Amino acid sequence: MSLYPIVLLLLVTGHKKEVTFLSNVGASSLDKARKLNELFKKSLTL
């Protein structure tokens, strides 16, 4: 998992779509599911 927000990485690398970036860096479906789960947990605690 990334220590940096995906949006920031997209800006730095020049990718326009997150899905393209993730496929280029080799993020697996499990990595994506973990990140989504992390975001859901954060939204529930706000």
PDB file of N, CA and C in Angstrom:
ATOM      1  N   MET A   1       0.835  -1.188   0.000  1.00  0.00           N
ATOM      2  CA  MET A   1       0.000   0.000   0.000  1.00  0.00           C
ATOM      3  C   MET A   1       0.873   1.243   0.000  1.00  0.00           C
ATOM      4  N   SER A   2       0.322   2.262  -0.545  1.00  0.00           N
ATOM      5  CA  SER A   2       1.044   3.513  -0.703  1.00  0.00           C
ATOM      6  C   SER A   2       0.983   4.355   0.577  1.00  0.00           C
ATOM      7  N   LEU A   3       2.079   5.046   0.849  1.00  0.00           N
ATOM      8  CA  LEU A   3       2.107   5.975   1.976  1.00  0.00           C
ATOM      9  C   LEU A   3       1.582   7.349   1.566  1.00  0.00           C
ATOM     10  N   TYR A   4       1.409   7.533   0.255  1.00  0.00           N
ATOM     11  CA  TYR A   4       0.991   8.822  -0.282  1.00  0.00           C
ATOM     12  C   TYR A   4      -0.388   8.718  -0.913  1.00  0.00           C
ATOM     13  N   PRO A   5      -1.164   9.798  -0.887  1.00  0.00           N
ATOM     14  CA  PRO A   5      -2.479   9.766  -1.533  1.00  0.00           C
ATOM     15  C   PRO A   5      -2.332   9.480  -3.034  1.00  0.00           C
ATOM     16  N   ILE A   6      -3.204   8.649  -3.554  1.00  0.00           N
ATOM     17  CA  ILE A   6      -3.164   8.270  -4.967  1.00  0.00           C
ATOM     18  C   ILE A   6      -3.219   9.519  -5.860  1.00  0.00           C
ATOM     19  N   VAL A   7      -4.048  10.483  -5.496  1.00  0.00           N
ATOM     20  CA  VAL A   7      -4.191  11.691  -6.317  1.00  0.00           C
ATOM     21  C   VAL A   7      -2.841  12.388  -6.478  1.00  0.00           C
ATOM     22  N   LEU A   8      -2.076  12.474  -5.426  1.00  0.00           N
ATOM     23  CA  LEU A   8      -0.755  13.092  -5.488  1.00  0.00           C
ATOM     24  C   LEU A   8       0.170  12.293  -6.402  1.00  0.00           C
ATOM     25  N   LEU A   9       0.126  10.980  -6.284  1.00  0.00           N
ATOM     26  CA  LEU A   9       0.958  10.134  -7.142  1.00  0.00           C
ATOM     27  C   LEU A   9       0.566  10.271  -8.613  1.00  0.00           C
ATOM     28  N   LEU A  10      -0.730  10.401  -8.882  1.00  0.00           N
ATOM     29  CA  LEU A  10      -1.188  10.587 -10.259  1.00  0.00           C
ATOM     30  C   LEU A  10      -0.629  11.884 -10.833  1.00  0.00           C
ATOM     31  N   LEU A  11      -0.651  12.929 -10.028  1.00  0.00           N
ATOM     32  CA  LEU A  11      -0.118  14.219 -10.482  1.00  0.00           C
ATOM     33  C   LEU A  11       1.376  14.137 -10.783  1.00  0.00           C
ATOM     34  N   VAL A  12       2.102  13.474  -9.912  1.00  0.00           N
ATOM     35  CA  VAL A  12       3.554  13.366 -10.063  1.00  0.00           C
ATOM     36  C   VAL A  12       3.941  12.501 -11.257  1.00  0.00           C
ATOM     37  N   THR A  13       3.211  11.400 -11.454  1.00  0.00           N
ATOM     38  CA  THR A  13       3.568  10.471 -12.525  1.00  0.00           C
ATOM     39  C   THR A  13       2.947  10.823 -13.863  1.00  0.00           C
ATOM     40  N   GLY A  14       1.963  11.722 -13.852  1.00  0.00           N
ATOM     41  CA  GLY A  14       1.331  12.131 -15.110  1.00  0.00           C
ATOM     42  C   GLY A  14       0.184  11.235 -15.549  1.00  0.00           C
ATOM     43  N   HIS A  15      -0.218  10.293 -14.712  1.00  0.00           N
ATOM     44  CA  HIS A  15      -1.350   9.430 -15.056  1.00  0.00           C
ATOM     45  C   HIS A  15      -2.647  10.215 -14.914  1.00  0.00           C
ATOM     46  N   LYS A  16      -3.580   9.968 -15.806  1.00  0.00           N
ATOM     47  CA  LYS A  16      -4.873  10.634 -15.731  1.00  0.00           C
ATOM     48  C   LYS A  16      -5.916   9.785 -14.997  1.00  0.00           C
ATOM     49  N   LYS A  17      -5.732   8.475 -15.013  1.00  0.00           N
ATOM     50  CA  LYS A  17      -6.689   7.568 -14.387  1.00  0.00           C
ATOM     51  C   LYS A  17      -5.990   6.715 -13.332  1.00  0.00           C
ATOM     52  N   GLU A  18      -6.670   6.561 -12.200  1.00  0.00           N
ATOM     53  CA  GLU A  18      -6.116   5.758 -11.110  1.00  0.00           C
ATOM     54  C   GLU A  18      -5.930   4.303 -11.543  1.00  0.00           C
ATOM     55  N   VAL A  19      -6.878   3.793 -12.313  1.00  0.00           N
ATOM     56  CA  VAL A  19      -6.797   2.393 -12.732  1.00  0.00           C
ATOM     57  C   VAL A  19      -5.551   2.144 -13.585  1.00  0.00           C
ATOM     58  N   THR A  20      -5.183   3.107 -14.425  1.00  0.00           N
ATOM     59  CA  THR A  20      -3.973   2.968 -15.238  1.00  0.00           C
ATOM     60  C   THR A  20      -2.737   2.988 -14.362  1.00  0.00           C
ATOM     61  N   PHE A  21      -2.705   3.909 -13.430  1.00  0.00           N
ATOM     62  CA  PHE A  21      -1.576   3.998 -12.514  1.00  0.00           C
ATOM     63  C   PHE A  21      -1.404   2.696 -11.735  1.00  0.00           C
ATOM     64  N   LEU A  22      -2.509   2.196 -11.171  1.00  0.00           N
ATOM     65  CA  LEU A  22      -2.442   0.987 -10.360  1.00  0.00           C
ATOM     66  C   LEU A  22      -2.017  -0.223 -11.185  1.00  0.00           C
ATOM     67  N   SER A  23      -2.472  -0.284 -12.423  1.00  0.00           N
ATOM     68  CA  SER A  23      -2.050  -1.415 -13.250  1.00  0.00           C
ATOM     69  C   SER A  23      -0.574  -1.312 -13.591  1.00  0.00           C
ATOM     70  N   ASN A  24      -0.065  -0.095 -13.714  1.00  0.00           N
ATOM     71  CA  ASN A  24       1.355   0.100 -14.018  1.00  0.00           C
ATOM     72  C   ASN A  24       2.255  -0.205 -12.832  1.00  0.00           C
ATOM     73  N   VAL A  25       1.780   0.039 -11.634  1.00  0.00           N
ATOM     74  CA  VAL A  25       2.603  -0.239 -10.458  1.00  0.00           C
ATOM     75  C   VAL A  25       2.358  -1.636  -9.911  1.00  0.00           C
ATOM     76  N   GLY A  26       1.422  -2.346 -10.514  1.00  0.00           N
ATOM     77  CA  GLY A  26       1.202  -3.733 -10.149  1.00  0.00           C
ATOM     78  C   GLY A  26       0.359  -3.956  -8.913  1.00  0.00           C
ATOM     79  N   ALA A  27      -0.525  -3.053  -8.599  1.00  0.00           N
ATOM     80  CA  ALA A  27      -1.403  -3.250  -7.451  1.00  0.00           C
ATOM     81  C   ALA A  27      -2.355  -4.393  -7.741  1.00  0.00           C
ATOM     82  N   SER A  28      -2.411  -5.330  -6.850  1.00  0.00           N
ATOM     83  CA  SER A  28      -3.291  -6.484  -7.023  1.00  0.00           C
ATOM     84  C   SER A  28      -4.710  -6.134  -6.578  1.00  0.00           C
ATOM     85  N   SER A  29      -5.631  -7.006  -6.902  1.00  0.00           N
ATOM     86  CA  SER A  29      -7.013  -6.823  -6.455  1.00  0.00           C
ATOM     87  C   SER A  29      -7.083  -6.801  -4.934  1.00  0.00           C
ATOM     88  N   LEU A  30      -6.253  -7.597  -4.294  1.00  0.00           N
ATOM     89  CA  LEU A  30      -6.228  -7.623  -2.830  1.00  0.00           C
ATOM     90  C   LEU A  30      -5.742  -6.278  -2.286  1.00  0.00           C
ATOM     91  N   ASP A  31      -4.724  -5.688  -2.905  1.00  0.00           N
ATOM     92  CA  ASP A  31      -4.241  -4.364  -2.489  1.00  0.00           C
ATOM     93  C   ASP A  31      -5.356  -3.329  -2.610  1.00  0.00           C
ATOM     94  N   LYS A  32      -6.072  -3.368  -3.716  1.00  0.00           N
ATOM     95  CA  LYS A  32      -7.161  -2.415  -3.951  1.00  0.00           C
ATOM     96  C   LYS A  32      -8.270  -2.607  -2.920  1.00  0.00           C
ATOM     97  N   ALA A  33      -8.605  -3.854  -2.615  1.00  0.00           N
ATOM     98  CA  ALA A  33      -9.647  -4.144  -1.623  1.00  0.00           C
ATOM     99  C   ALA A  33      -9.227  -3.656  -0.242  1.00  0.00           C
ATOM    100  N   ARG A  34      -7.972  -3.852   0.108  1.00  0.00           N
ATOM    101  CA  ARG A  34      -7.477  -3.373   1.409  1.00  0.00           C
ATOM    102  C   ARG A  34      -7.557  -1.856   1.510  1.00  0.00           C
ATOM    103  N   LYS A  35      -7.192  -1.168   0.442  1.00  0.00           N
ATOM    104  CA  LYS A  35      -7.239   0.297   0.445  1.00  0.00           C
ATOM    105  C   LYS A  35      -8.685   0.777   0.582  1.00  0.00           C
ATOM    106  N   LEU A  36      -9.583   0.151  -0.151  1.00  0.00           N
ATOM    107  CA  LEU A  36     -10.990   0.511  -0.066  1.00  0.00           C
ATOM    108  C   LEU A  36     -11.521   0.280   1.342  1.00  0.00           C
ATOM    109  N   ASN A  37     -11.163  -0.829   1.951  1.00  0.00           N
ATOM    110  CA  ASN A  37     -11.569  -1.129   3.314  1.00  0.00           C
ATOM    111  C   ASN A  37     -11.034  -0.072   4.283  1.00  0.00           C
ATOM    112  N   GLU A  38      -9.799   0.332   4.089  1.00  0.00           N
ATOM    113  CA  GLU A  38      -9.195   1.373   4.924  1.00  0.00           C
ATOM    114  C   GLU A  38      -9.964   2.686   4.803  1.00  0.00           C
ATOM    115  N   LEU A  39     -10.344   3.050   3.594  1.00  0.00           N
ATOM    116  CA  LEU A  39     -11.088   4.285   3.384  1.00  0.00           C
ATOM    117  C   LEU A  39     -12.481   4.219   4.023  1.00  0.00           C
ATOM    118  N   PHE A  40     -13.134   3.050   3.932  1.00  0.00           N
ATOM    119  CA  PHE A  40     -14.444   2.894   4.564  1.00  0.00           C
ATOM    120  C   PHE A  40     -14.331   3.036   6.080  1.00  0.00           C
ATOM    121  N   LYS A  41     -13.307   2.455   6.663  1.00  0.00           N
ATOM    122  CA  LYS A  41     -13.119   2.552   8.107  1.00  0.00           C
ATOM    123  C   LYS A  41     -12.935   4.010   8.536  1.00  0.00           C
ATOM    124  N   LYS A  42     -12.145   4.762   7.760  1.00  0.00           N
ATOM    125  CA  LYS A  42     -11.922   6.174   8.083  1.00  0.00           C
ATOM    126  C   LYS A  42     -13.219   6.969   7.968  1.00  0.00           C
ATOM    127  N   SER A  43     -14.022   6.687   6.950  1.00  0.00           N
ATOM    128  CA  SER A  43     -15.257   7.457   6.758  1.00  0.00           C
ATOM    129  C   SER A  43     -16.258   7.177   7.866  1.00  0.00           C
ATOM    130  N   LEU A  44     -16.219   5.991   8.442  1.00  0.00           N
ATOM    131  CA  LEU A  44     -17.144   5.650   9.517  1.00  0.00           C
ATOM    132  C   LEU A  44     -16.769   6.323  10.832  1.00  0.00           C
ATOM    133  N   THR A  45     -15.521   6.723  10.983  1.00  0.00           N
ATOM    134  CA  THR A  45     -15.086   7.339  12.236  1.00  0.00           C
ATOM    135  C   THR A  45     -15.130   8.853  12.201  1.00  0.00           C
ATOM    136  N   LEU A  46     -15.527   9.421  11.088  1.00  0.00           N
ATOM    137  CA  LEU A  46     -15.579  10.903  10.992  1.00  0.00           C
ATOM    138  C   LEU A  46     -16.735  11.482  11.731  1.00  0.00           C
TER     139      LEU A  46
END
